[in-house]
Amino acid sequence: MRIAIVHNNNEKSLTLVAELKAMLEEKAIQLDNKNPNLVITIGGDGTLLSAFHRYAHLLNKIRFVGVHTGHLGFYTDWRDYELPDLVESLMEDKGESISYPLLDIKVTYQGNKEPSHFLALNESTMKRVDGTMVCDVFVKDELFERFRGDGLCVSTPTGSTGYNKSVGGAIIHPRLEAIQLAEIASINNRVFRTLSSPMIVAPDECIKIRPNATDSFILTIDQLSSSEKNIVELQYLIAKERIHFARYRHTHFWSRVEDAFIGAKNKYEI
């Protein structure tokens, strides 16, 4: 087994990294940051997102394990004080995994510039730098609506608990092969109308957004962002690739949701 460790730089995480490296060395487990088959992240969901993008070219060969140093995350199954248990699980590894769908993003520009392709684990958003964003939204190549507002968010099922939820999107279980489109501050009056509701799109359908190609936009892909212009079309669909997590143990999705947003189990007897 070849293991890579990705971490943030807070003091607690750095201490855990040193402890984990010592434990792995004692068990003669190889560290390999260039060509791992297992990636352990120490920090939080943001750290795991960084690791995902770092190793996106190896998704068919690697699995991920997340150790969180704060509250329970949606991608981090292990707590900071459980490193010995995690190392024992590594020693008994049987190659089992659980996989989640990803978002495939294709950006087409004016002129002869080649389209750009990206993968997102959580979501991608498109927002105007200033003023109102106006764009046509297509579902499976059919015009659905002309959107006016601050922007649009397209998310995966696992990403549905993030920015998507904050703009009124639904939470989707990650076993569902679907993508979701949520509006960001849409304009709805007697003149301009949008659906004004999240849309959940089937796995064999794609979402296409065609803006005014002369406008400038902020395009985000997970925690990454860039200023873009001369965009002709953005296409979103379920990716062929998937992310795989080592299945030593797995926290039930709705338990994560309850812990993150409600926390009643810690306050009341049910």
C-alpha atoms as a PDB file:
ATOM      1  CA  MET A   1       0.000   0.000   0.000  1.00  0.00           C
ATOM      2  CA  ARG A   2       1.301   3.437  -0.956  1.00  0.00           C
ATOM      3  CA  ILE A   3      -0.092   6.324   1.071  1.00  0.00           C
ATOM      4  CA  ALA A   4      -0.099  10.078   0.503  1.00  0.00           C
ATOM      5  CA  ILE A   5      -0.942  12.530   3.286  1.00  0.00           C
ATOM      6  CA  VAL A   6      -2.581  15.870   2.516  1.00  0.00           C
ATOM      7  CA  HIS A   7      -3.132  18.316   5.358  1.00  0.00           C
ATOM      8  CA  ASN A   8      -3.827  21.918   6.235  1.00  0.00           C
ATOM      9  CA  ASN A   9      -1.262  23.902   8.171  1.00  0.00           C
ATOM     10  CA  ASN A  10      -2.917  24.540  11.502  1.00  0.00           C
ATOM     11  CA  GLU A  11      -1.034  23.404  14.561  1.00  0.00           C
ATOM     12  CA  LYS A  12      -3.326  20.521  15.428  1.00  0.00           C
ATOM     13  CA  SER A  13      -3.147  19.067  11.925  1.00  0.00           C
ATOM     14  CA  LEU A  14       0.649  19.312  11.792  1.00  0.00           C
ATOM     15  CA  THR A  15       0.889  17.463  15.101  1.00  0.00           C
ATOM     16  CA  LEU A  16      -1.384  14.700  13.794  1.00  0.00           C
ATOM     17  CA  VAL A  17       0.636  14.411  10.581  1.00  0.00           C
ATOM     18  CA  ALA A  18       3.804  13.795  12.588  1.00  0.00           C
ATOM     19  CA  GLU A  19       2.023  11.185  14.733  1.00  0.00           C
ATOM     20  CA  LEU A  20       0.541   9.436  11.693  1.00  0.00           C
ATOM     21  CA  LYS A  21       3.881   9.296   9.862  1.00  0.00           C
ATOM     22  CA  ALA A  22       5.511   7.720  12.911  1.00  0.00           C
ATOM     23  CA  MET A  23       2.753   5.090  13.146  1.00  0.00           C
ATOM     24  CA  LEU A  24       2.977   4.274   9.424  1.00  0.00           C
ATOM     25  CA  GLU A  25       6.760   3.973   9.620  1.00  0.00           C
ATOM     26  CA  GLU A  26       6.433   1.593  12.563  1.00  0.00           C
ATOM     27  CA  LYS A  27       4.075  -0.583  10.490  1.00  0.00           C
ATOM     28  CA  ALA A  28       6.379  -0.364   7.434  1.00  0.00           C
ATOM     29  CA  ILE A  29       3.648   1.272   5.351  1.00  0.00           C
ATOM     30  CA  GLN A  30       5.093   3.188   2.402  1.00  0.00           C
ATOM     31  CA  LEU A  31       4.551   6.945   1.963  1.00  0.00           C
ATOM     32  CA  ASP A  32       4.281   8.022  -1.679  1.00  0.00           C
ATOM     33  CA  ASN A  33       2.906  11.460  -2.557  1.00  0.00           C
ATOM     34  CA  LYS A  34       3.428  11.032  -6.317  1.00  0.00           C
ATOM     35  CA  ASN A  35       1.736   7.721  -7.039  1.00  0.00           C
ATOM     36  CA  PRO A  36      -0.375   6.667  -4.033  1.00  0.00           C
ATOM     37  CA  ASN A  37      -3.252   4.214  -4.011  1.00  0.00           C
ATOM     38  CA  LEU A  38      -4.646   5.694  -0.778  1.00  0.00           C
ATOM     39  CA  VAL A  39      -4.809   9.388   0.166  1.00  0.00           C
ATOM     40  CA  ILE A  40      -5.310  10.365   3.819  1.00  0.00           C
ATOM     41  CA  THR A  41      -6.391  13.937   4.461  1.00  0.00           C
ATOM     42  CA  ILE A  42      -6.022  15.654   7.835  1.00  0.00           C
ATOM     43  CA  GLY A  43      -8.037  18.801   8.457  1.00  0.00           C
ATOM     44  CA  GLY A  44     -11.599  19.135   7.230  1.00  0.00           C
ATOM     45  CA  ASP A  45     -13.741  18.928   4.116  1.00  0.00           C
ATOM     46  CA  GLY A  46     -11.762  21.774   2.536  1.00  0.00           C
ATOM     47  CA  THR A  47      -8.563  19.761   2.902  1.00  0.00           C
ATOM     48  CA  LEU A  48     -10.186  16.774   1.238  1.00  0.00           C
ATOM     49  CA  LEU A  49     -11.407  18.964  -1.625  1.00  0.00           C
ATOM     50  CA  SER A  50      -7.825  20.142  -2.143  1.00  0.00           C
ATOM     51  CA  ALA A  51      -6.624  16.529  -2.189  1.00  0.00           C
ATOM     52  CA  PHE A  52      -9.344  15.580  -4.676  1.00  0.00           C
ATOM     53  CA  HIS A  53      -8.191  18.217  -7.151  1.00  0.00           C
ATOM     54  CA  ARG A  54      -4.527  17.371  -6.601  1.00  0.00           C
ATOM     55  CA  TYR A  55      -5.115  13.715  -7.462  1.00  0.00           C
ATOM     56  CA  ALA A  56      -8.009  14.096  -9.926  1.00  0.00           C
ATOM     57  CA  HIS A  57      -5.875  12.466 -12.631  1.00  0.00           C
ATOM     58  CA  LEU A  58      -5.624   9.275 -10.531  1.00  0.00           C
ATOM     59  CA  LEU A  59      -9.261   8.827  -9.492  1.00  0.00           C
ATOM     60  CA  ASN A  60      -9.546   5.367 -11.028  1.00  0.00           C
ATOM     61  CA  LYS A  61      -6.544   4.186  -8.996  1.00  0.00           C
ATOM     62  CA  ILE A  62      -6.916   5.723  -5.543  1.00  0.00           C
ATOM     63  CA  ARG A  63      -9.209   5.861  -2.540  1.00  0.00           C
ATOM     64  CA  PHE A  64      -9.530   8.634   0.016  1.00  0.00           C
ATOM     65  CA  VAL A  65      -9.747   8.644   3.819  1.00  0.00           C
ATOM     66  CA  GLY A  66     -10.541  11.811   5.754  1.00  0.00           C
ATOM     67  CA  VAL A  67      -9.462  12.625   9.326  1.00  0.00           C
ATOM     68  CA  HIS A  68     -11.140  15.733  10.733  1.00  0.00           C
ATOM     69  CA  THR A  69      -9.647  17.973  13.373  1.00  0.00           C
ATOM     70  CA  GLY A  70     -12.877  19.829  14.147  1.00  0.00           C
ATOM     71  CA  HIS A  71     -16.551  18.964  13.686  1.00  0.00           C
ATOM     72  CA  LEU A  72     -17.720  15.901  11.767  1.00  0.00           C
ATOM     73  CA  GLY A  73     -17.401  16.567   8.055  1.00  0.00           C
ATOM     74  CA  PHE A  74     -19.269  15.158   5.089  1.00  0.00           C
ATOM     75  CA  TYR A  75     -16.095  13.566   3.706  1.00  0.00           C
ATOM     76  CA  THR A  76     -14.161  12.858   6.907  1.00  0.00           C
ATOM     77  CA  ASP A  77     -15.052   9.671   8.795  1.00  0.00           C
ATOM     78  CA  TRP A  78     -12.278   9.614  11.381  1.00  0.00           C
ATOM     79  CA  ARG A  79     -11.686  11.889  14.354  1.00  0.00           C
ATOM     80  CA  ASP A  80      -8.265  13.180  15.367  1.00  0.00           C
ATOM     81  CA  TYR A  81      -7.986  10.886  18.419  1.00  0.00           C
ATOM     82  CA  GLU A  82      -8.661   7.746  16.350  1.00  0.00           C
ATOM     83  CA  LEU A  83      -5.345   7.532  14.470  1.00  0.00           C
ATOM     84  CA  PRO A  84      -4.355   4.166  16.070  1.00  0.00           C
ATOM     85  CA  ASP A  85      -7.694   2.647  14.983  1.00  0.00           C
ATOM     86  CA  LEU A  86      -7.224   4.036  11.466  1.00  0.00           C
ATOM     87  CA  VAL A  87      -3.742   2.539  11.165  1.00  0.00           C
ATOM     88  CA  GLU A  88      -5.078  -0.843  12.305  1.00  0.00           C
ATOM     89  CA  SER A  89      -7.755  -0.582   9.602  1.00  0.00           C
ATOM     90  CA  LEU A  90      -5.023   0.111   7.054  1.00  0.00           C
ATOM     91  CA  MET A  91      -3.268  -3.075   8.115  1.00  0.00           C
ATOM     92  CA  GLU A  92      -6.472  -5.059   7.571  1.00  0.00           C
ATOM     93  CA  ASP A  93      -7.390  -3.318   4.315  1.00  0.00           C
ATOM     94  CA  LYS A  94      -9.446  -5.459   1.903  1.00  0.00           C
ATOM     95  CA  GLY A  95      -9.733  -2.885  -0.883  1.00  0.00           C
ATOM     96  CA  GLU A  96     -13.382  -2.076  -0.212  1.00  0.00           C
ATOM     97  CA  SER A  97     -14.699   1.348  -1.147  1.00  0.00           C
ATOM     98  CA  ILE A  98     -17.786   3.494  -1.491  1.00  0.00           C
ATOM     99  CA  SER A  99     -18.035   5.845  -4.451  1.00  0.00           C
ATOM    100  CA  TYR A 100     -19.853   9.115  -5.125  1.00  0.00           C
ATOM    101  CA  PRO A 101     -20.765  10.873  -8.386  1.00  0.00           C
ATOM    102  CA  LEU A 102     -18.844  13.878  -9.652  1.00  0.00           C
ATOM    103  CA  LEU A 103     -19.732  16.867 -11.805  1.00  0.00           C
ATOM    104  CA  ASP A 104     -18.252  17.139 -15.307  1.00  0.00           C
ATOM    105  CA  ILE A 105     -17.886  20.747 -16.477  1.00  0.00           C
ATOM    106  CA  LYS A 106     -17.126  21.780 -20.052  1.00  0.00           C
ATOM    107  CA  VAL A 107     -16.463  25.465 -20.765  1.00  0.00           C
ATOM    108  CA  THR A 108     -16.657  26.625 -24.395  1.00  0.00           C
ATOM    109  CA  TYR A 109     -15.184  29.988 -25.389  1.00  0.00           C
ATOM    110  CA  GLN A 110     -15.498  32.307 -28.387  1.00  0.00           C
ATOM    111  CA  GLY A 111     -13.013  31.912 -31.205  1.00  0.00           C
ATOM    112  CA  ASN A 112     -10.658  29.017 -31.721  1.00  0.00           C
ATOM    113  CA  LYS A 113      -9.802  28.434 -28.061  1.00  0.00           C
ATOM    114  CA  GLU A 114     -10.167  24.798 -27.082  1.00  0.00           C
ATOM    115  CA  PRO A 115     -12.935  23.977 -24.561  1.00  0.00           C
ATOM    116  CA  SER A 116     -11.775  23.443 -20.976  1.00  0.00           C
ATOM    117  CA  HIS A 117     -12.848  20.425 -18.920  1.00  0.00           C
ATOM    118  CA  PHE A 118     -13.046  20.260 -15.124  1.00  0.00           C
ATOM    119  CA  LEU A 119     -14.300  17.921 -12.405  1.00  0.00           C
ATOM    120  CA  ALA A 120     -16.063  19.088  -9.245  1.00  0.00           C
ATOM    121  CA  LEU A 121     -16.747  17.119  -6.089  1.00  0.00           C
ATOM    122  CA  ASN A 122     -19.171  19.650  -4.583  1.00  0.00           C
ATOM    123  CA  GLU A 123     -20.403  22.281  -7.006  1.00  0.00           C
ATOM    124  CA  SER A 124     -19.735  24.862  -9.674  1.00  0.00           C
ATOM    125  CA  THR A 125     -21.180  28.375  -9.686  1.00  0.00           C
ATOM    126  CA  MET A 126     -21.338  31.124 -12.262  1.00  0.00           C
ATOM    127  CA  LYS A 127     -21.834  34.740 -11.158  1.00  0.00           C
ATOM    128  CA  ARG A 128     -21.634  38.162 -12.784  1.00  0.00           C
ATOM    129  CA  VAL A 129     -18.772  40.380 -11.640  1.00  0.00           C
ATOM    130  CA  ASP A 130     -21.209  43.308 -11.548  1.00  0.00           C
ATOM    131  CA  GLY A 131     -24.775  43.844 -12.651  1.00  0.00           C
ATOM    132  CA  THR A 132     -27.381  41.226 -13.425  1.00  0.00           C
ATOM    133  CA  MET A 133     -26.470  37.911 -14.979  1.00  0.00           C
ATOM    134  CA  VAL A 134     -28.627  37.101 -18.007  1.00  0.00           C
ATOM    135  CA  CYS A 135     -28.317  33.668 -19.596  1.00  0.00           C
ATOM    136  CA  ASP A 136     -30.333  30.969 -21.310  1.00  0.00           C
ATOM    137  CA  VAL A 137     -30.671  27.656 -19.483  1.00  0.00           C
ATOM    138  CA  PHE A 138     -31.036  24.474 -21.533  1.00  0.00           C
ATOM    139  CA  VAL A 139     -31.919  21.008 -20.253  1.00  0.00           C
ATOM    140  CA  LYS A 140     -31.052  18.184 -22.647  1.00  0.00           C
ATOM    141  CA  ASP A 141     -30.524  20.716 -25.462  1.00  0.00           C
ATOM    142  CA  GLU A 142     -33.993  22.239 -25.044  1.00  0.00           C
ATOM    143  CA  LEU A 143     -34.369  25.847 -23.910  1.00  0.00           C
ATOM    144  CA  PHE A 144     -35.910  25.868 -20.442  1.00  0.00           C
ATOM    145  CA  GLU A 145     -35.741  29.489 -19.314  1.00  0.00           C
ATOM    146  CA  ARG A 146     -33.966  32.820 -19.572  1.00  0.00           C
ATOM    147  CA  PHE A 147     -32.440  33.453 -16.169  1.00  0.00           C
ATOM    148  CA  ARG A 148     -31.873  36.879 -14.643  1.00  0.00           C
ATOM    149  CA  GLY A 149     -30.262  37.239 -11.243  1.00  0.00           C
ATOM    150  CA  ASP A 150     -26.963  37.036  -9.374  1.00  0.00           C
ATOM    151  CA  GLY A 151     -25.955  33.599 -10.625  1.00  0.00           C
ATOM    152  CA  LEU A 152     -26.503  29.848 -10.791  1.00  0.00           C
ATOM    153  CA  CYS A 153     -25.165  26.907  -8.776  1.00  0.00           C
ATOM    154  CA  VAL A 154     -24.876  23.341 -10.122  1.00  0.00           C
ATOM    155  CA  SER A 155     -24.088  20.733  -7.472  1.00  0.00           C
ATOM    156  CA  THR A 156     -23.493  17.034  -6.948  1.00  0.00           C
ATOM    157  CA  PRO A 157     -25.469  15.034  -4.354  1.00  0.00           C
ATOM    158  CA  THR A 158     -22.638  15.267  -1.809  1.00  0.00           C
ATOM    159  CA  GLY A 159     -22.228  18.950  -2.646  1.00  0.00           C
ATOM    160  CA  SER A 160     -25.933  19.545  -2.063  1.00  0.00           C
ATOM    161  CA  THR A 161     -25.220  20.138   1.635  1.00  0.00           C
ATOM    162  CA  GLY A 162     -22.842  23.017   0.876  1.00  0.00           C
ATOM    163  CA  TYR A 163     -23.394  26.257  -1.034  1.00  0.00           C
ATOM    164  CA  ASN A 164     -26.407  24.706  -2.755  1.00  0.00           C
ATOM    165  CA  LYS A 165     -28.231  24.411   0.566  1.00  0.00           C
ATOM    166  CA  SER A 166     -27.421  28.017   1.486  1.00  0.00           C
ATOM    167  CA  VAL A 167     -29.206  29.263  -1.651  1.00  0.00           C
ATOM    168  CA  GLY A 168     -32.295  27.137  -1.025  1.00  0.00           C
ATOM    169  CA  GLY A 169     -31.391  23.907  -2.810  1.00  0.00           C
ATOM    170  CA  ALA A 170     -32.509  20.459  -1.707  1.00  0.00           C
ATOM    171  CA  ILE A 171     -30.266  17.929   0.050  1.00  0.00           C
ATOM    172  CA  ILE A 172     -29.845  14.828  -2.123  1.00  0.00           C
ATOM    173  CA  HIS A 173     -28.626  11.428  -0.948  1.00  0.00           C
ATOM    174  CA  PRO A 174     -25.321  10.592  -2.695  1.00  0.00           C
ATOM    175  CA  ARG A 175     -26.590   7.237  -3.985  1.00  0.00           C
ATOM    176  CA  LEU A 176     -28.816   9.195  -6.373  1.00  0.00           C
ATOM    177  CA  GLU A 177     -27.100   9.800  -9.721  1.00  0.00           C
ATOM    178  CA  ALA A 178     -28.322  13.346 -10.251  1.00  0.00           C
ATOM    179  CA  ILE A 179     -27.182  16.940 -10.490  1.00  0.00           C
ATOM    180  CA  GLN A 180     -29.023  19.962  -9.130  1.00  0.00           C
ATOM    181  CA  LEU A 181     -29.436  23.496 -10.448  1.00  0.00           C
ATOM    182  CA  ALA A 182     -30.203  26.193  -7.875  1.00  0.00           C
ATOM    183  CA  GLU A 183     -30.791  29.878  -8.526  1.00  0.00           C
ATOM    184  CA  ILE A 184     -28.870  32.632  -6.745  1.00  0.00           C
ATOM    185  CA  ALA A 185     -31.131  35.653  -6.117  1.00  0.00           C
ATOM    186  CA  SER A 186     -33.219  35.370  -9.284  1.00  0.00           C
ATOM    187  CA  ILE A 187     -35.358  38.267 -10.532  1.00  0.00           C
ATOM    188  CA  ASN A 188     -39.044  37.390 -10.654  1.00  0.00           C
ATOM    189  CA  ASN A 189     -41.703  40.000 -11.429  1.00  0.00           C
ATOM    190  CA  ARG A 190     -44.457  40.664 -13.980  1.00  0.00           C
ATOM    191  CA  VAL A 191     -41.873  41.067 -16.742  1.00  0.00           C
ATOM    192  CA  PHE A 192     -39.168  38.511 -15.960  1.00  0.00           C
ATOM    193  CA  ARG A 193     -39.854  34.971 -14.753  1.00  0.00           C
ATOM    194  CA  THR A 194     -37.740  31.965 -13.810  1.00  0.00           C
ATOM    195  CA  LEU A 195     -38.712  28.637 -12.256  1.00  0.00           C
ATOM    196  CA  SER A 196     -37.593  30.082  -8.905  1.00  0.00           C
ATOM    197  CA  SER A 197     -37.068  26.569  -7.547  1.00  0.00           C
ATOM    198  CA  PRO A 198     -34.207  24.051  -7.465  1.00  0.00           C
ATOM    199  CA  MET A 199     -34.141  21.567 -10.360  1.00  0.00           C
ATOM    200  CA  ILE A 200     -32.899  17.981  -9.980  1.00  0.00           C
ATOM    201  CA  VAL A 201     -31.789  16.585 -13.332  1.00  0.00           C
ATOM    202  CA  ALA A 202     -31.614  12.915 -14.327  1.00  0.00           C
ATOM    203  CA  PRO A 203     -28.226  11.258 -14.995  1.00  0.00           C
ATOM    204  CA  ASP A 204     -28.809  10.973 -18.751  1.00  0.00           C
ATOM    205  CA  GLU A 205     -29.530  14.696 -19.091  1.00  0.00           C
ATOM    206  CA  CYS A 206     -27.207  17.682 -19.053  1.00  0.00           C
ATOM    207  CA  ILE A 207     -27.581  21.331 -18.133  1.00  0.00           C
ATOM    208  CA  LYS A 208     -26.239  23.981 -20.490  1.00  0.00           C
ATOM    209  CA  ILE A 209     -25.890  27.652 -19.607  1.00  0.00           C
ATOM    210  CA  ARG A 210     -25.386  30.140 -22.419  1.00  0.00           C
ATOM    211  CA  PRO A 211     -24.583  33.670 -21.229  1.00  0.00           C
ATOM    212  CA  ASN A 212     -23.900  36.854 -23.110  1.00  0.00           C
ATOM    213  CA  ALA A 213     -20.391  36.116 -24.368  1.00  0.00           C
ATOM    214  CA  THR A 214     -19.236  39.707 -23.854  1.00  0.00           C
ATOM    215  CA  ASP A 215     -19.930  39.645 -20.100  1.00  0.00           C
ATOM    216  CA  SER A 216     -17.364  38.828 -17.430  1.00  0.00           C
ATOM    217  CA  PHE A 217     -18.091  36.157 -14.837  1.00  0.00           C
ATOM    218  CA  ILE A 218     -16.662  34.539 -11.744  1.00  0.00           C
ATOM    219  CA  LEU A 219     -16.583  30.794 -12.323  1.00  0.00           C
ATOM    220  CA  THR A 220     -16.084  28.586  -9.274  1.00  0.00           C
ATOM    221  CA  ILE A 221     -15.286  24.880  -9.191  1.00  0.00           C
ATOM    222  CA  ASP A 222     -15.419  23.696  -5.586  1.00  0.00           C
ATOM    223  CA  GLN A 223     -13.117  26.035  -3.648  1.00  0.00           C
ATOM    224  CA  LEU A 224     -11.330  27.256  -6.804  1.00  0.00           C
ATOM    225  CA  SER A 225     -12.412  30.434  -8.603  1.00  0.00           C
ATOM    226  CA  SER A 226     -11.389  32.345 -11.722  1.00  0.00           C
ATOM    227  CA  SER A 227     -12.518  35.418 -13.622  1.00  0.00           C
ATOM    228  CA  GLU A 228     -13.766  34.450 -17.069  1.00  0.00           C
ATOM    229  CA  LYS A 229     -15.070  36.219 -20.172  1.00  0.00           C
ATOM    230  CA  ASN A 230     -15.939  35.290 -23.758  1.00  0.00           C
ATOM    231  CA  ILE A 231     -17.743  32.186 -22.490  1.00  0.00           C
ATOM    232  CA  VAL A 232     -20.180  30.818 -25.053  1.00  0.00           C
ATOM    233  CA  GLU A 233     -21.496  27.866 -23.034  1.00  0.00           C
ATOM    234  CA  LEU A 234     -21.060  25.898 -19.842  1.00  0.00           C
ATOM    235  CA  GLN A 235     -22.150  22.269 -19.919  1.00  0.00           C
ATOM    236  CA  TYR A 236     -22.778  20.291 -16.734  1.00  0.00           C
ATOM    237  CA  LEU A 237     -23.416  16.553 -16.481  1.00  0.00           C
ATOM    238  CA  ILE A 238     -22.634  13.538 -14.295  1.00  0.00           C
ATOM    239  CA  ALA A 239     -18.987  12.635 -14.860  1.00  0.00           C
ATOM    240  CA  LYS A 240     -17.797   9.228 -15.987  1.00  0.00           C
ATOM    241  CA  GLU A 241     -15.251   9.379 -13.177  1.00  0.00           C
ATOM    242  CA  ARG A 242     -16.199   8.848  -9.540  1.00  0.00           C
ATOM    243  CA  ILE A 243     -14.467   9.501  -6.246  1.00  0.00           C
ATOM    244  CA  HIS A 244     -13.786   6.442  -4.080  1.00  0.00           C
ATOM    245  CA  PHE A 245     -13.531   6.414  -0.287  1.00  0.00           C
ATOM    246  CA  ALA A 246     -11.933   3.546   1.622  1.00  0.00           C
ATOM    247  CA  ARG A 247     -14.726   1.691   3.379  1.00  0.00           C
ATOM    248  CA  TYR A 248     -13.147   0.835   6.715  1.00  0.00           C
ATOM    249  CA  ARG A 249     -16.251   2.261   8.286  1.00  0.00           C
ATOM    250  CA  HIS A 250     -18.749   4.741   6.983  1.00  0.00           C
ATOM    251  CA  THR A 251     -20.990   7.268   8.722  1.00  0.00           C
ATOM    252  CA  HIS A 252     -24.579   7.201   7.460  1.00  0.00           C
ATOM    253  CA  PHE A 253     -25.296  10.208   5.225  1.00  0.00           C
ATOM    254  CA  TRP A 254     -28.361  11.386   7.132  1.00  0.00           C
ATOM    255  CA  SER A 255     -26.430  11.103  10.408  1.00  0.00           C
ATOM    256  CA  ARG A 256     -23.914  13.542   8.935  1.00  0.00           C
ATOM    257  CA  VAL A 257     -26.727  15.883   7.906  1.00  0.00           C
ATOM    258  CA  GLU A 258     -28.321  15.742  11.359  1.00  0.00           C
ATOM    259  CA  ASP A 259     -25.012  16.337  13.094  1.00  0.00           C
ATOM    260  CA  ALA A 260     -24.066  19.251  10.830  1.00  0.00           C
ATOM    261  CA  PHE A 261     -27.350  21.154  10.745  1.00  0.00           C
ATOM    262  CA  ILE A 262     -29.551  20.048  13.643  1.00  0.00           C
ATOM    263  CA  GLY A 263     -27.523  18.423  16.422  1.00  0.00           C
ATOM    264  CA  ALA A 264     -30.624  17.306  18.318  1.00  0.00           C
ATOM    265  CA  LYS A 265     -28.986  14.011  19.319  1.00  0.00           C
ATOM    266  CA  ASN A 266     -26.515  15.942  21.398  1.00  0.00           C
ATOM    267  CA  LYS A 267     -29.184  18.044  23.121  1.00  0.00           C
ATOM    268  CA  TYR A 268     -32.279  15.973  23.613  1.00  0.00           C
ATOM    269  CA  GLU A 269     -33.327  12.439  24.307  1.00  0.00           C
ATOM    270  CA  ILE A 270     -35.384  11.183  21.382  1.00  0.00           C
END
